[in-house]
Amino acid sequence: MSDVQAFDKLVVGARFKMSELGATRLRSLAGKTGIVVEVSHRNTGVTVLFDGAERPSCLHRDFITPISR
């Protein structure tokens, strides 16, 4: 598996930013970043904790993009 393929996979603890699609659909979250706290294997949901937030949020996985290290 290449580094690109491994990076594209969302994993718990990964840093992320809102994707272009996510920023378009959820304008109030555009530009926000955080960490992935849970990835569902049953549906397209990803539970994330935005920087500065007290509670996690659930988003569609297409709404976030991993941040390169």
N, C-alpha and C. Protein backbone atom coordinates (compact mmCIF):
# COMPACT_ATOMS: atom_id res chain seq x y z
N MET A 1 0.85 -1.18 0.00
CA MET A 1 0.00 0.00 0.00
C MET A 1 0.89 1.24 0.00
N SER A 2 0.59 2.19 -0.88
CA SER A 2 1.42 3.39 -0.96
C SER A 2 1.05 4.36 0.16
N ASP A 3 1.94 5.34 0.38
CA ASP A 3 1.67 6.36 1.40
C ASP A 3 0.42 7.15 1.07
N VAL A 4 0.16 7.40 -0.21
CA VAL A 4 -1.02 8.16 -0.61
C VAL A 4 -2.28 7.40 -0.25
N GLN A 5 -2.33 6.10 -0.53
CA GLN A 5 -3.50 5.30 -0.19
C GLN A 5 -3.71 5.26 1.32
N ALA A 6 -2.65 5.10 2.08
CA ALA A 6 -2.77 5.05 3.53
C ALA A 6 -3.25 6.40 4.06
N PHE A 7 -2.78 7.49 3.47
CA PHE A 7 -3.17 8.82 3.94
C PHE A 7 -4.64 9.10 3.63
N ASP A 8 -5.13 8.65 2.47
CA ASP A 8 -6.51 8.92 2.08
C ASP A 8 -7.52 8.24 2.99
N LYS A 9 -7.14 7.20 3.69
CA LYS A 9 -8.06 6.48 4.57
C LYS A 9 -8.23 7.26 5.87
N LEU A 10 -9.48 7.50 6.25
CA LEU A 10 -9.74 8.20 7.51
C LEU A 10 -9.56 7.24 8.67
N VAL A 11 -8.78 7.64 9.65
CA VAL A 11 -8.54 6.82 10.83
C VAL A 11 -8.73 7.67 12.08
N VAL A 12 -9.07 7.02 13.17
CA VAL A 12 -9.24 7.70 14.44
C VAL A 12 -7.93 8.40 14.81
N GLY A 13 -8.02 9.65 15.23
CA GLY A 13 -6.85 10.43 15.60
C GLY A 13 -6.29 11.28 14.48
N ALA A 14 -6.79 11.09 13.25
CA ALA A 14 -6.28 11.86 12.11
C ALA A 14 -6.79 13.30 12.18
N ARG A 15 -5.94 14.25 11.84
CA ARG A 15 -6.34 15.65 11.74
C ARG A 15 -7.07 15.84 10.42
N PHE A 16 -8.05 16.72 10.40
CA PHE A 16 -8.82 16.96 9.18
C PHE A 16 -9.18 18.43 9.06
N LYS A 17 -9.59 18.80 7.86
CA LYS A 17 -10.20 20.10 7.59
C LYS A 17 -11.47 19.84 6.79
N MET A 18 -12.34 20.81 6.73
CA MET A 18 -13.55 20.67 5.94
C MET A 18 -13.18 20.64 4.46
N SER A 19 -13.79 19.72 3.71
CA SER A 19 -13.55 19.64 2.27
C SER A 19 -14.32 20.74 1.56
N GLU A 20 -14.09 20.91 0.28
CA GLU A 20 -14.84 21.92 -0.49
C GLU A 20 -16.33 21.61 -0.44
N LEU A 21 -16.69 20.32 -0.59
CA LEU A 21 -18.10 19.93 -0.53
C LEU A 21 -18.69 20.25 0.85
N GLY A 22 -17.95 19.92 1.90
CA GLY A 22 -18.42 20.20 3.26
C GLY A 22 -18.60 21.69 3.51
N ALA A 23 -17.65 22.49 3.02
CA ALA A 23 -17.74 23.95 3.21
C ALA A 23 -18.92 24.53 2.43
N THR A 24 -19.24 23.93 1.29
CA THR A 24 -20.38 24.39 0.49
C THR A 24 -21.70 24.03 1.17
N ARG A 25 -21.79 22.81 1.68
CA ARG A 25 -23.03 22.34 2.29
C ARG A 25 -23.24 22.87 3.70
N LEU A 26 -22.13 23.06 4.44
CA LEU A 26 -22.20 23.51 5.84
C LEU A 26 -21.33 24.76 6.00
N ARG A 27 -21.82 25.86 5.51
CA ARG A 27 -21.02 27.10 5.46
C ARG A 27 -20.52 27.55 6.81
N SER A 28 -21.28 27.27 7.86
CA SER A 28 -20.85 27.69 9.20
C SER A 28 -19.61 26.92 9.67
N LEU A 29 -19.30 25.80 9.03
CA LEU A 29 -18.14 25.00 9.41
C LEU A 29 -16.96 25.18 8.45
N ALA A 30 -17.14 25.97 7.40
CA ALA A 30 -16.07 26.18 6.41
C ALA A 30 -14.80 26.68 7.11
N GLY A 31 -13.68 26.07 6.77
CA GLY A 31 -12.40 26.49 7.34
C GLY A 31 -12.08 25.88 8.69
N LYS A 32 -12.98 25.12 9.26
CA LYS A 32 -12.73 24.51 10.58
C LYS A 32 -11.87 23.26 10.44
N THR A 33 -11.16 22.95 11.52
CA THR A 33 -10.31 21.76 11.58
C THR A 33 -10.59 21.02 12.88
N GLY A 34 -10.07 19.79 12.97
CA GLY A 34 -10.24 19.00 14.18
C GLY A 34 -9.62 17.63 14.04
N ILE A 35 -10.12 16.67 14.85
CA ILE A 35 -9.62 15.30 14.78
C ILE A 35 -10.80 14.35 14.62
N VAL A 36 -10.51 13.21 13.99
CA VAL A 36 -11.50 12.15 13.82
C VAL A 36 -11.53 11.34 15.12
N VAL A 37 -12.72 11.14 15.69
CA VAL A 37 -12.82 10.36 16.92
C VAL A 37 -13.49 9.01 16.71
N GLU A 38 -14.22 8.84 15.59
CA GLU A 38 -14.82 7.53 15.29
C GLU A 38 -15.16 7.47 13.81
N VAL A 39 -14.89 6.33 13.20
CA VAL A 39 -15.24 6.09 11.80
C VAL A 39 -16.20 4.92 11.76
N SER A 40 -17.39 5.15 11.22
CA SER A 40 -18.38 4.09 11.12
C SER A 40 -18.06 3.17 9.96
N HIS A 41 -18.17 1.88 10.20
CA HIS A 41 -17.96 0.90 9.13
C HIS A 41 -19.29 0.45 8.55
N ARG A 42 -20.39 0.91 9.14
CA ARG A 42 -21.72 0.53 8.68
C ARG A 42 -22.36 1.56 7.77
N ASN A 43 -21.93 2.81 7.87
CA ASN A 43 -22.50 3.85 7.03
C ASN A 43 -21.42 4.87 6.67
N THR A 44 -21.82 6.01 6.14
CA THR A 44 -20.85 7.00 5.68
C THR A 44 -20.54 8.07 6.72
N GLY A 45 -20.93 7.83 7.96
CA GLY A 45 -20.71 8.81 9.02
C GLY A 45 -19.32 8.75 9.63
N VAL A 46 -18.84 9.92 10.02
CA VAL A 46 -17.57 10.06 10.73
C VAL A 46 -17.84 10.99 11.91
N THR A 47 -17.45 10.56 13.11
CA THR A 47 -17.60 11.42 14.28
C THR A 47 -16.30 12.19 14.46
N VAL A 48 -16.43 13.51 14.56
CA VAL A 48 -15.26 14.38 14.63
C VAL A 48 -15.39 15.32 15.82
N LEU A 49 -14.25 15.79 16.28
CA LEU A 49 -14.22 16.81 17.33
C LEU A 49 -13.49 18.01 16.75
N PHE A 50 -14.24 19.09 16.54
CA PHE A 50 -13.64 20.31 16.00
C PHE A 50 -12.78 20.96 17.07
N ASP A 51 -11.70 21.60 16.64
CA ASP A 51 -10.83 22.32 17.56
C ASP A 51 -11.66 23.33 18.35
N GLY A 52 -11.54 23.30 19.67
CA GLY A 52 -12.25 24.24 20.54
C GLY A 52 -13.66 23.80 20.91
N ALA A 53 -14.16 22.72 20.33
CA ALA A 53 -15.51 22.25 20.63
C ALA A 53 -15.49 21.35 21.86
N GLU A 54 -16.61 21.35 22.59
CA GLU A 54 -16.71 20.49 23.76
C GLU A 54 -17.31 19.13 23.43
N ARG A 55 -18.14 19.08 22.38
CA ARG A 55 -18.81 17.83 22.01
C ARG A 55 -18.51 17.46 20.57
N PRO A 56 -18.44 16.18 20.28
CA PRO A 56 -18.19 15.74 18.91
C PRO A 56 -19.42 15.93 18.02
N SER A 57 -19.19 15.93 16.72
CA SER A 57 -20.24 16.05 15.70
C SER A 57 -20.10 14.89 14.73
N CYS A 58 -21.20 14.51 14.12
CA CYS A 58 -21.18 13.45 13.11
C CYS A 58 -21.40 14.09 11.74
N LEU A 59 -20.50 13.78 10.81
CA LEU A 59 -20.56 14.32 9.46
C LEU A 59 -20.45 13.20 8.45
N HIS A 60 -20.86 13.47 7.22
CA HIS A 60 -20.62 12.54 6.12
C HIS A 60 -19.14 12.56 5.81
N ARG A 61 -18.55 11.43 5.53
CA ARG A 61 -17.10 11.36 5.32
C ARG A 61 -16.61 12.19 4.14
N ASP A 62 -17.49 12.49 3.18
CA ASP A 62 -17.09 13.34 2.05
C ASP A 62 -16.95 14.81 2.44
N PHE A 63 -17.41 15.17 3.64
CA PHE A 63 -17.37 16.56 4.07
C PHE A 63 -16.05 16.95 4.72
N ILE A 64 -15.15 15.96 4.93
CA ILE A 64 -13.85 16.27 5.53
C ILE A 64 -12.71 15.72 4.68
N THR A 65 -11.55 16.32 4.85
CA THR A 65 -10.34 15.93 4.12
C THR A 65 -9.20 15.84 5.13
N PRO A 66 -8.42 14.76 5.11
CA PRO A 66 -7.27 14.67 6.02
C PRO A 66 -6.27 15.80 5.75
N ILE A 67 -5.63 16.28 6.80
CA ILE A 67 -4.58 17.30 6.67
C ILE A 67 -3.25 16.59 6.58
N SER A 68 -2.46 16.96 5.59
CA SER A 68 -1.14 16.34 5.45
C SER A 68 -0.25 16.76 6.59
N ARG A 69 0.66 15.88 6.93
CA ARG A 69 1.55 16.13 8.07
C ARG A 69 2.70 16.99 7.71
